[in-house]
Amino acid sequence: MSLTTNPYLEGNFAPVLDEVTVTDLVVTGEVPEELNGRYLRIGPNPVSAPEPSTYHWFTGDGMVHGIRLGDGRAGWYRNRWVRSGPVSRTLGEAPRSGLAHAGMDFAPNTNVIAHAGRTFALVEAGALPYELTDELETVGPCNFGGTLAGGYTAHPKRDPLTGELYAVSYFFGWGDDVEVTVLDREARVRSSRRVTMGGPVSLHDTAITQSWIVLLDLPVLFDMELAVGGASFPYRWFDDYPPRVGLLPRDGESTAVVWHEVDPCYVFHPMNAYDEPGGSGIVLDVVRHPSMFRTNLLGPAEGAPTLERWHIDGHGAAVKEERLDDRGQEFPRIDERLVGLPHRFGYCVAVDTGELLGTESRLVRHDLVAGTSEVRSFGRGSTIGEAVLVPRAAGAGEGEGWLMTLVHQAETDSSSLHIVNAEDFAGEPQAVVHLPQRVPAGFHGNWVAD
């Protein structure tokens, strides 16, 4: 493939070149007094110009954006590259001394979370997490006090009942194995299991229930030919790979996986999963892509992803697939207090069929009990990021709180943080925090309460 342009380097995918700190943010509306903490979002932002013909959206150097809220005001916005060794050298700084797994020193770009009072930037495919300060400066690579044997995942799942993080990590150097770990509340790995998949899969995300860990063994695999040819993300679709979903007992042996056939597809992100009453299997809600990296090897653009409910019996029968919504959508989120438990509401970013993720989009609120949905537009030409639900209070009901999402307006090439009352989904935003520079289309983030 020979390209002089690349859609993931243009428009709102293009990187920003400056790190800024601004403390006099303009706010329209009123920031809720109950919001005290940091809204964090991360994404690819190449520190130097990559080769367009080989640049994959998933491989840009990570940049974290943060907005501090408190006492009814927006205290600051700042953005910082994660200082891996290569990023530090490019910026003319001394590299952070520290660790690397298998020689991979990569600036994580996929998720940013808080755990055990610390902030971590995360990525998949073999690289280590990086720890950040509260102000988003880089501390350095982290192996959780020597308890993490290899790379980590971009998508650990926090059990709301125990506070522990469940993760499924992949790396081509492990052959057909993935690593299933449990990180305790003090950020130390208390459990680690190797599980053999059908091949060297790209397993982006997982789901948990109170009984099971979900393993998505789907047809996107490491390809040595692509790697030798210089592909920055050498994974592609294999038509002859048998897709399946595994259920691993949360406390069982690594060989105790129960496998279930599923129709060919790819899943980046489950919305949530939970046990059916009476031990009759699980419900798994996912965003299903018809294929991935079959013809487009630079980013996710292989047909409209749809919201589906999978019924998995836990005994090896084929997955029963139920279409919940036909609209193209991604980045599903729920009230995080219900991870692994029955949920009613889900929130997705909807895009028109055939459009790239990161282009004009809307927010969808699914009521999965009533079987209804609402759509919220942020204006013509607006692009939104993943929406994070922040409960109004610790004891608030599901969906009672605020939705926070970054919005880019194409007409002005500007970005802002919108805070929407989740109980008045179509109403005027509670507050809009206007940001001093554009935030490029990116991946994931979270609200970190003080």
Protein backbone atom coordinates (compact mmCIF):
# COMPACT_ATOMS: atom_id res chain seq x y z
CA MET A 1 0.00 0.00 0.00
CA SER A 2 1.33 3.41 -0.96
CA LEU A 3 -0.32 6.47 0.57
CA THR A 4 0.59 10.13 0.58
CA THR A 5 -2.30 10.90 2.92
CA ASN A 6 -3.87 9.02 5.80
CA PRO A 7 -7.36 9.72 7.23
CA TYR A 8 -6.02 9.12 10.75
CA LEU A 9 -3.61 12.03 10.38
CA GLU A 10 -6.13 14.55 9.05
CA GLY A 11 -8.98 16.70 10.38
CA ASN A 12 -9.65 16.06 14.05
CA PHE A 13 -7.43 12.97 13.95
CA ALA A 14 -4.39 15.20 13.34
CA PRO A 15 -2.11 15.63 16.37
CA VAL A 16 -1.79 18.83 18.36
CA LEU A 17 1.76 20.12 18.71
CA ASP A 18 1.73 22.01 22.01
CA GLU A 19 1.46 21.06 25.65
CA VAL A 20 -0.43 23.75 27.53
CA THR A 21 -1.64 24.51 31.04
CA VAL A 22 -4.55 26.93 31.40
CA THR A 23 -6.20 27.86 34.69
CA ASP A 24 -8.70 30.52 33.57
CA LEU A 25 -11.18 28.32 31.70
CA VAL A 26 -14.41 29.77 30.38
CA VAL A 27 -17.56 27.91 31.44
CA THR A 28 -21.07 28.22 30.05
CA GLY A 29 -23.68 27.13 32.58
CA GLU A 30 -22.83 25.87 36.06
CA VAL A 31 -20.42 23.10 37.01
CA PRO A 32 -22.22 20.90 39.58
CA GLU A 33 -20.85 21.46 43.09
CA GLU A 34 -20.75 17.70 43.63
CA LEU A 35 -18.10 17.23 40.91
CA ASN A 36 -14.70 17.36 42.55
CA GLY A 37 -11.97 15.57 40.65
CA ARG A 38 -10.41 15.17 37.22
CA TYR A 39 -11.89 14.23 33.87
CA LEU A 40 -9.13 12.42 31.94
CA ARG A 41 -8.98 11.31 28.30
CA ILE A 42 -6.13 9.78 26.28
CA GLY A 43 -5.47 9.16 22.60
CA PRO A 44 -2.84 8.84 19.87
CA ASN A 45 -0.87 12.02 19.18
CA PRO A 46 2.35 11.33 17.24
CA VAL A 47 5.20 13.41 18.63
CA SER A 48 6.87 13.42 15.20
CA ALA A 49 5.41 13.05 11.73
CA PRO A 50 4.86 9.34 10.93
CA GLU A 51 4.96 7.73 7.51
CA PRO A 52 1.37 8.01 6.20
CA SER A 53 1.43 4.72 4.30
CA THR A 54 2.15 2.65 7.42
CA TYR A 55 0.73 4.78 10.26
CA HIS A 56 -1.99 2.94 12.17
CA TRP A 57 -4.31 4.96 14.41
CA PHE A 58 -3.60 2.60 17.30
CA THR A 59 0.14 3.33 17.31
CA GLY A 60 0.45 7.08 17.82
CA ASP A 61 2.30 8.26 20.92
CA GLY A 62 -0.12 8.72 23.80
CA MET A 63 -1.22 12.17 24.98
CA VAL A 64 -3.38 12.65 28.07
CA HIS A 65 -5.83 15.55 28.38
CA GLY A 66 -7.24 16.54 31.75
CA ILE A 67 -9.78 18.99 33.16
CA ARG A 68 -9.95 19.56 36.92
CA LEU A 69 -13.37 20.40 38.35
CA GLY A 70 -14.15 21.46 41.90
CA ASP A 71 -16.10 23.94 44.01
CA GLY A 72 -18.39 24.66 41.08
CA ARG A 73 -15.61 25.74 38.71
CA ALA A 74 -13.17 24.40 36.15
CA GLY A 75 -9.75 24.70 37.78
CA TRP A 76 -7.44 23.74 34.92
CA TYR A 77 -6.91 22.10 31.57
CA ARG A 78 -3.59 20.49 30.70
CA ASN A 79 -2.34 18.05 28.09
CA ARG A 80 0.86 16.03 28.25
CA TRP A 81 2.57 13.40 26.14
CA VAL A 82 3.33 10.23 28.06
CA ARG A 83 7.14 10.32 28.32
CA SER A 84 8.29 6.98 27.00
CA GLY A 85 12.00 6.84 26.14
CA PRO A 86 11.43 7.61 22.41
CA VAL A 87 9.02 10.48 23.18
CA SER A 88 11.43 11.99 25.72
CA ARG A 89 14.33 11.88 23.29
CA THR A 90 12.23 13.46 20.53
CA LEU A 91 11.30 16.29 22.91
CA GLY A 92 14.97 16.79 23.82
CA GLU A 93 14.54 15.50 27.36
CA ALA A 94 16.40 12.86 29.33
CA PRO A 95 14.50 9.56 29.02
CA ARG A 96 12.77 8.26 32.15
CA SER A 97 14.81 5.40 33.51
CA GLY A 98 12.83 2.26 34.18
CA LEU A 99 11.31 -0.84 32.80
CA ALA A 100 10.25 -2.26 29.47
CA HIS A 101 8.64 -5.55 28.58
CA ALA A 102 10.32 -7.41 25.70
CA GLY A 103 12.14 -4.21 24.76
CA MET A 104 8.84 -2.42 24.05
CA ASP A 105 9.03 1.14 25.39
CA PHE A 106 5.79 2.62 24.08
CA ALA A 107 3.89 5.71 25.23
CA PRO A 108 0.46 4.26 26.19
CA ASN A 109 -2.39 5.81 24.23
CA THR A 110 -5.57 3.82 24.85
CA ASN A 111 -6.95 4.30 28.37
CA VAL A 112 -6.22 6.29 31.51
CA ILE A 113 -7.49 5.11 34.88
CA ALA A 114 -7.03 5.65 38.60
CA HIS A 115 -6.38 2.79 40.99
CA ALA A 116 -5.05 2.67 44.54
CA GLY A 117 -4.79 6.47 44.54
CA ARG A 118 -2.52 6.46 41.49
CA THR A 119 -3.03 7.36 37.81
CA PHE A 120 -2.06 4.97 35.01
CA ALA A 121 -1.91 5.32 31.22
CA LEU A 122 -2.63 1.97 29.58
CA VAL A 123 -2.10 0.21 26.26
CA GLU A 124 -2.30 -3.38 25.02
CA ALA A 125 -0.19 -5.79 22.95
CA GLY A 126 2.76 -6.21 25.30
CA ALA A 127 3.80 -2.78 26.60
CA LEU A 128 3.79 -1.77 30.26
CA PRO A 129 1.50 0.81 31.85
CA TYR A 130 2.96 4.23 32.66
CA GLU A 131 2.25 5.95 35.95
CA LEU A 132 1.37 9.66 35.89
CA THR A 133 1.09 12.33 38.56
CA ASP A 134 -2.22 14.00 39.34
CA GLU A 135 -1.05 16.83 37.05
CA LEU A 136 -0.35 14.31 34.23
CA GLU A 137 3.44 14.47 34.37
CA THR A 138 5.11 11.12 33.69
CA VAL A 139 6.45 9.14 36.66
CA GLY A 140 7.59 6.21 34.52
CA PRO A 141 6.78 2.68 33.38
CA CYS A 142 5.16 0.47 35.98
CA ASN A 143 5.00 -3.27 36.67
CA PHE A 144 2.95 -2.89 39.85
CA GLY A 145 5.83 -3.34 42.25
CA GLY A 146 7.35 -6.23 40.33
CA THR A 147 4.15 -8.31 40.42
CA LEU A 148 3.29 -7.93 36.69
CA ALA A 149 5.25 -10.46 34.63
CA GLY A 150 4.71 -8.87 31.20
CA GLY A 151 2.59 -6.32 29.39
CA TYR A 152 -0.90 -5.29 30.48
CA THR A 153 -4.24 -4.47 28.92
CA ALA A 154 -5.96 -1.21 28.00
CA HIS A 155 -9.21 -2.42 29.54
CA PRO A 156 -9.12 -3.85 33.06
CA LYS A 157 -12.54 -4.33 34.60
CA ARG A 158 -13.10 -3.16 38.18
CA ASP A 159 -15.34 -5.39 40.25
CA PRO A 160 -17.51 -2.85 42.13
CA LEU A 161 -17.92 -5.29 45.03
CA THR A 162 -14.22 -5.92 45.68
CA GLY A 163 -12.46 -2.97 44.02
CA GLU A 164 -10.08 -5.35 42.22
CA LEU A 165 -9.14 -5.07 38.53
CA TYR A 166 -9.58 -8.08 36.24
CA ALA A 167 -7.49 -8.01 33.05
CA VAL A 168 -6.83 -10.14 29.98
CA SER A 169 -3.54 -9.18 28.28
CA TYR A 170 -2.10 -10.34 24.95
CA PHE A 171 1.34 -10.22 23.33
CA PHE A 172 2.51 -12.00 20.17
CA GLY A 173 5.62 -13.24 22.01
CA TRP A 174 3.42 -15.43 24.23
CA GLY A 175 2.34 -17.50 21.23
CA ASP A 176 -1.30 -18.52 21.57
CA ASP A 177 -1.50 -17.60 25.27
CA VAL A 178 -3.08 -14.63 27.00
CA GLU A 179 -2.44 -13.58 30.60
CA VAL A 180 -5.39 -13.27 32.97
CA THR A 181 -4.55 -11.21 36.06
CA VAL A 182 -6.29 -9.81 39.12
CA LEU A 183 -4.89 -6.58 40.53
CA ASP A 184 -5.76 -6.03 44.18
CA ARG A 185 -6.84 -2.76 45.79
CA GLU A 186 -3.19 -1.88 46.55
CA ALA A 187 -2.19 -2.23 42.86
CA ARG A 188 -0.37 -5.55 43.19
CA VAL A 189 -1.10 -8.63 41.07
CA ARG A 190 -2.59 -11.23 43.41
CA SER A 191 -3.46 -13.80 40.74
CA SER A 192 -2.08 -14.64 37.29
CA ARG A 193 -3.08 -17.39 34.84
CA ARG A 194 -1.99 -18.19 31.29
CA VAL A 195 -4.88 -19.30 29.05
CA THR A 196 -4.36 -20.82 25.61
CA MET A 197 -6.43 -19.34 22.79
CA GLY A 198 -6.83 -20.65 19.25
CA GLY A 199 -4.04 -18.42 17.93
CA PRO A 200 -2.07 -15.21 18.61
CA VAL A 201 -5.21 -13.08 18.95
CA SER A 202 -5.70 -9.36 19.36
CA LEU A 203 -7.96 -9.28 22.42
CA HIS A 204 -8.73 -5.63 23.09
CA ASP A 205 -11.22 -5.89 25.95
CA THR A 206 -13.00 -8.30 28.24
CA ALA A 207 -16.04 -8.50 30.48
CA ILE A 208 -16.66 -10.06 33.86
CA THR A 209 -19.64 -11.39 35.74
CA GLN A 210 -19.69 -12.50 39.36
CA SER A 211 -18.88 -16.03 38.11
CA TRP A 212 -16.90 -15.68 34.88
CA ILE A 213 -14.22 -13.82 32.92
CA VAL A 214 -15.08 -13.49 29.21
CA LEU A 215 -12.44 -14.37 26.58
CA LEU A 216 -13.08 -13.12 23.03
CA ASP A 217 -11.22 -15.48 20.67
CA LEU A 218 -12.01 -13.74 17.37
CA PRO A 219 -10.39 -13.71 13.89
CA VAL A 220 -7.90 -10.82 14.23
CA LEU A 221 -4.43 -12.32 14.69
CA PHE A 222 -0.77 -11.38 14.68
CA ASP A 223 0.69 -11.67 11.17
CA MET A 224 4.44 -12.12 10.88
CA GLU A 225 4.45 -11.09 7.24
CA LEU A 226 2.92 -7.73 8.15
CA ALA A 227 5.42 -7.32 10.98
CA VAL A 228 8.39 -8.04 8.72
CA GLY A 229 6.93 -5.64 6.16
CA GLY A 230 7.01 -2.79 8.68
CA ALA A 231 3.35 -2.59 9.71
CA SER A 232 3.10 -0.60 12.93
CA PHE A 233 0.17 -2.76 14.12
CA PRO A 234 0.72 -6.19 12.50
CA TYR A 235 -2.68 -7.74 13.14
CA ARG A 236 -5.27 -8.63 10.48
CA TRP A 237 -8.43 -10.61 9.83
CA PHE A 238 -8.18 -14.33 9.00
CA ASP A 239 -11.25 -15.76 7.22
CA ASP A 240 -10.49 -19.35 8.20
CA TYR A 241 -10.11 -18.70 11.94
CA PRO A 242 -12.96 -20.27 13.98
CA PRO A 243 -14.44 -17.52 16.21
CA ARG A 244 -15.53 -18.40 19.72
CA VAL A 245 -16.22 -16.95 23.15
CA GLY A 246 -14.75 -18.50 26.28
CA LEU A 247 -15.99 -18.35 29.85
CA LEU A 248 -13.20 -18.76 32.40
CA PRO A 249 -14.29 -19.30 36.02
CA ARG A 250 -13.14 -16.31 38.04
CA ASP A 251 -11.40 -18.56 40.52
CA GLY A 252 -10.89 -21.67 38.38
CA GLU A 253 -7.94 -23.29 36.65
CA SER A 254 -6.72 -21.81 33.39
CA THR A 255 -7.76 -24.99 31.55
CA ALA A 256 -11.35 -24.75 32.78
CA VAL A 257 -12.51 -22.45 29.96
CA VAL A 258 -15.90 -23.33 28.44
CA TRP A 259 -15.83 -22.40 24.74
CA HIS A 260 -18.85 -21.37 22.65
CA GLU A 261 -18.94 -20.89 18.87
CA VAL A 262 -20.07 -17.52 17.53
CA ASP A 263 -20.59 -16.15 14.03
CA PRO A 264 -17.52 -14.45 12.48
CA CYS A 265 -17.16 -10.90 13.80
CA TYR A 266 -14.89 -8.72 15.88
CA VAL A 267 -15.57 -7.03 19.21
CA PHE A 268 -13.46 -4.23 20.57
CA HIS A 269 -15.76 -3.34 23.45
CA PRO A 270 -18.33 -5.23 25.48
CA MET A 271 -20.81 -2.95 27.20
CA ASN A 272 -21.22 -5.25 30.21
CA ALA A 273 -22.01 -8.81 31.22
CA TYR A 274 -23.88 -10.48 34.06
CA ASP A 275 -24.96 -13.92 35.24
CA GLU A 276 -28.43 -15.13 34.33
CA PRO A 277 -30.58 -16.03 37.35
CA GLY A 278 -30.29 -19.62 38.48
CA GLY A 279 -26.90 -20.22 36.90
CA SER A 280 -28.32 -20.57 33.38
CA GLY A 281 -25.44 -18.80 31.64
CA ILE A 282 -24.64 -15.15 31.09
CA VAL A 283 -25.85 -12.11 29.18
CA LEU A 284 -23.10 -10.27 27.29
CA ASP A 285 -23.86 -6.95 25.56
CA VAL A 286 -21.29 -6.05 22.88
CA VAL A 287 -20.63 -3.72 19.99
CA ARG A 288 -20.22 -6.16 17.08
CA HIS A 289 -18.14 -5.35 13.99
CA PRO A 290 -18.82 -7.54 10.91
CA SER A 291 -15.04 -7.81 10.41
CA MET A 292 -11.87 -5.88 11.29
CA PHE A 293 -8.60 -5.21 9.47
CA ARG A 294 -9.71 -7.34 6.54
CA THR A 295 -9.24 -4.62 3.89
CA ASN A 296 -8.31 -1.53 5.90
CA LEU A 297 -5.13 -2.13 7.88
CA LEU A 298 -4.76 1.41 9.27
CA GLY A 299 -7.81 1.72 11.50
CA PRO A 300 -11.29 0.40 12.34
CA ALA A 301 -13.43 0.99 9.24
CA GLU A 302 -14.98 -2.30 8.10
CA GLY A 303 -18.72 -1.69 8.15
CA ALA A 304 -21.19 -0.45 10.74
CA PRO A 305 -20.72 -1.81 14.27
CA THR A 306 -24.03 -2.64 15.95
CA LEU A 307 -25.19 -3.20 19.52
CA GLU A 308 -25.95 -6.86 20.23
CA ARG A 309 -26.92 -9.04 23.18
CA TRP A 310 -25.25 -12.43 23.33
CA HIS A 311 -26.74 -15.24 25.40
CA ILE A 312 -24.07 -17.75 26.44
CA ASP A 313 -25.18 -20.89 28.27
CA GLY A 314 -21.87 -21.72 29.99
CA HIS A 315 -22.02 -25.34 28.75
CA GLY A 316 -20.60 -24.99 25.24
CA ALA A 317 -23.63 -24.36 23.06
CA ALA A 318 -23.32 -21.82 20.25
CA VAL A 319 -23.81 -18.19 21.24
CA LYS A 320 -27.35 -16.91 20.68
CA GLU A 321 -27.06 -13.46 19.10
CA GLU A 322 -29.77 -10.81 19.46
CA ARG A 323 -29.59 -7.45 17.65
CA LEU A 324 -30.47 -4.60 20.00
CA ASP A 325 -29.81 -1.63 17.70
CA ASP A 326 -28.96 -1.33 13.99
CA ARG A 327 -27.27 2.06 14.17
CA GLY A 328 -23.52 2.25 13.76
CA GLN A 329 -22.07 2.86 17.23
CA GLU A 330 -19.07 2.31 19.46
CA PHE A 331 -17.52 3.20 22.85
CA PRO A 332 -20.27 1.62 25.00
CA ARG A 333 -20.34 2.62 28.66
CA ILE A 334 -22.56 1.94 31.66
CA ASP A 335 -22.78 3.12 35.24
CA GLU A 336 -19.49 1.59 36.45
CA ARG A 337 -21.05 0.61 39.78
CA LEU A 338 -22.79 -2.19 37.83
CA VAL A 339 -19.81 -3.81 36.08
CA GLY A 340 -20.48 -7.55 36.13
CA LEU A 341 -24.02 -7.00 37.45
CA PRO A 342 -27.39 -6.55 35.69
CA HIS A 343 -27.64 -3.11 34.05
CA ARG A 344 -30.48 -1.15 32.52
CA PHE A 345 -28.86 1.84 30.80
CA GLY A 346 -26.03 1.99 28.30
CA TYR A 347 -24.46 4.92 26.45
CA CYS A 348 -22.85 4.73 23.00
CA VAL A 349 -21.35 7.07 20.40
CA ALA A 350 -23.35 6.74 17.16
CA VAL A 351 -21.88 7.42 13.71
CA ASP A 352 -23.42 7.23 10.26
CA THR A 353 -22.91 3.96 8.39
CA GLY A 354 -19.61 4.00 6.53
CA GLU A 355 -18.14 6.92 8.46
CA LEU A 356 -14.93 6.67 10.44
CA LEU A 357 -15.12 6.63 14.18
CA GLY A 358 -14.09 10.09 15.24
CA THR A 359 -16.25 11.83 12.63
CA GLU A 360 -19.66 13.52 13.08
CA SER A 361 -21.42 11.67 15.85
CA ARG A 362 -24.20 11.69 18.42
CA LEU A 363 -24.80 10.21 21.86
CA VAL A 364 -27.31 7.37 22.31
CA ARG A 365 -28.87 6.41 25.63
CA HIS A 366 -30.21 2.86 25.59
CA ASP A 367 -32.85 1.70 28.04
CA LEU A 368 -32.28 -2.04 27.74
CA VAL A 369 -35.21 -2.93 30.00
CA ALA A 370 -37.79 -0.84 28.17
CA GLY A 371 -36.19 -1.55 24.78
CA THR A 372 -36.07 2.16 23.89
CA SER A 373 -33.36 4.69 23.10
CA GLU A 374 -32.82 8.44 22.93
CA VAL A 375 -30.38 10.28 20.68
CA ARG A 376 -28.67 13.52 21.61
CA SER A 377 -26.99 15.67 18.96
CA PHE A 378 -24.33 18.22 19.85
CA GLY A 379 -24.83 20.25 16.68
CA ARG A 380 -24.02 19.97 13.01
CA GLY A 381 -20.40 19.01 12.39
CA SER A 382 -19.81 17.99 16.00
CA THR A 383 -17.75 14.97 16.96
CA ILE A 384 -18.07 13.48 20.42
CA GLY A 385 -15.92 11.12 22.41
CA GLU A 386 -16.84 8.30 24.74
CA ALA A 387 -19.32 9.40 27.41
CA VAL A 388 -18.56 8.74 31.09
CA LEU A 389 -21.36 8.56 33.64
CA VAL A 390 -20.63 10.13 37.04
CA PRO A 391 -23.21 9.18 39.70
CA ARG A 392 -24.85 12.11 41.49
CA ALA A 393 -23.99 10.54 44.86
CA ALA A 394 -22.76 7.22 46.18
CA GLY A 395 -26.30 6.03 46.81
CA ALA A 396 -27.85 7.42 43.62
CA GLY A 397 -29.85 5.09 41.40
CA GLU A 398 -28.53 3.74 38.10
CA GLY A 399 -28.26 6.53 35.55
CA GLU A 400 -28.74 9.32 38.11
CA GLY A 401 -25.90 11.75 37.60
CA TRP A 402 -23.99 13.45 34.84
CA LEU A 403 -22.64 12.35 31.48
CA MET A 404 -19.30 13.88 30.51
CA THR A 405 -17.96 13.87 26.97
CA LEU A 406 -15.52 15.87 24.87
CA VAL A 407 -17.04 17.61 21.85
CA HIS A 408 -15.18 18.91 18.80
CA GLN A 409 -16.90 21.52 16.59
CA ALA A 410 -15.63 21.34 13.01
CA GLU A 411 -16.72 24.89 12.12
CA THR A 412 -14.55 26.49 14.78
CA ASP A 413 -12.02 23.63 15.14
CA SER A 414 -12.51 23.90 18.90
CA SER A 415 -13.14 21.44 21.72
CA SER A 416 -15.13 21.57 24.92
CA LEU A 417 -16.18 19.33 27.79
CA HIS A 418 -19.95 18.93 27.99
CA ILE A 419 -21.57 17.97 31.29
CA VAL A 420 -25.09 16.66 30.65
CA ASN A 421 -27.72 15.85 33.27
CA ALA A 422 -28.28 12.14 32.54
CA GLU A 423 -31.87 12.41 33.81
CA ASP A 424 -32.56 15.25 31.34
CA PHE A 425 -30.79 13.59 28.45
CA ALA A 426 -32.13 15.83 25.68
CA GLY A 427 -32.03 19.07 27.69
CA GLU A 428 -29.51 21.87 27.71
CA PRO A 429 -26.11 20.86 29.08
CA GLN A 430 -25.53 21.50 32.75
CA ALA A 431 -22.19 23.07 31.84
CA VAL A 432 -19.82 23.45 28.90
CA VAL A 433 -16.13 23.91 29.71
CA HIS A 434 -14.46 25.62 26.75
CA LEU A 435 -10.94 24.32 26.18
CA PRO A 436 -7.96 26.37 24.99
CA GLN A 437 -7.07 24.01 22.17
CA ARG A 438 -8.47 21.18 20.11
CA VAL A 439 -8.51 17.68 21.61
CA PRO A 440 -7.93 15.20 18.77
CA ALA A 441 -10.20 12.20 18.26
CA GLY A 442 -8.97 9.61 20.72
CA PHE A 443 -9.93 6.62 22.75
CA HIS A 444 -10.85 6.23 26.41
CA GLY A 445 -10.91 8.06 29.68
CA ASN A 446 -12.54 8.27 33.06
CA TRP A 447 -13.70 10.54 35.82
CA VAL A 448 -11.37 10.41 38.83
CA ALA A 449 -13.06 11.73 41.97
CA ASP A 450 -10.91 13.35 44.64
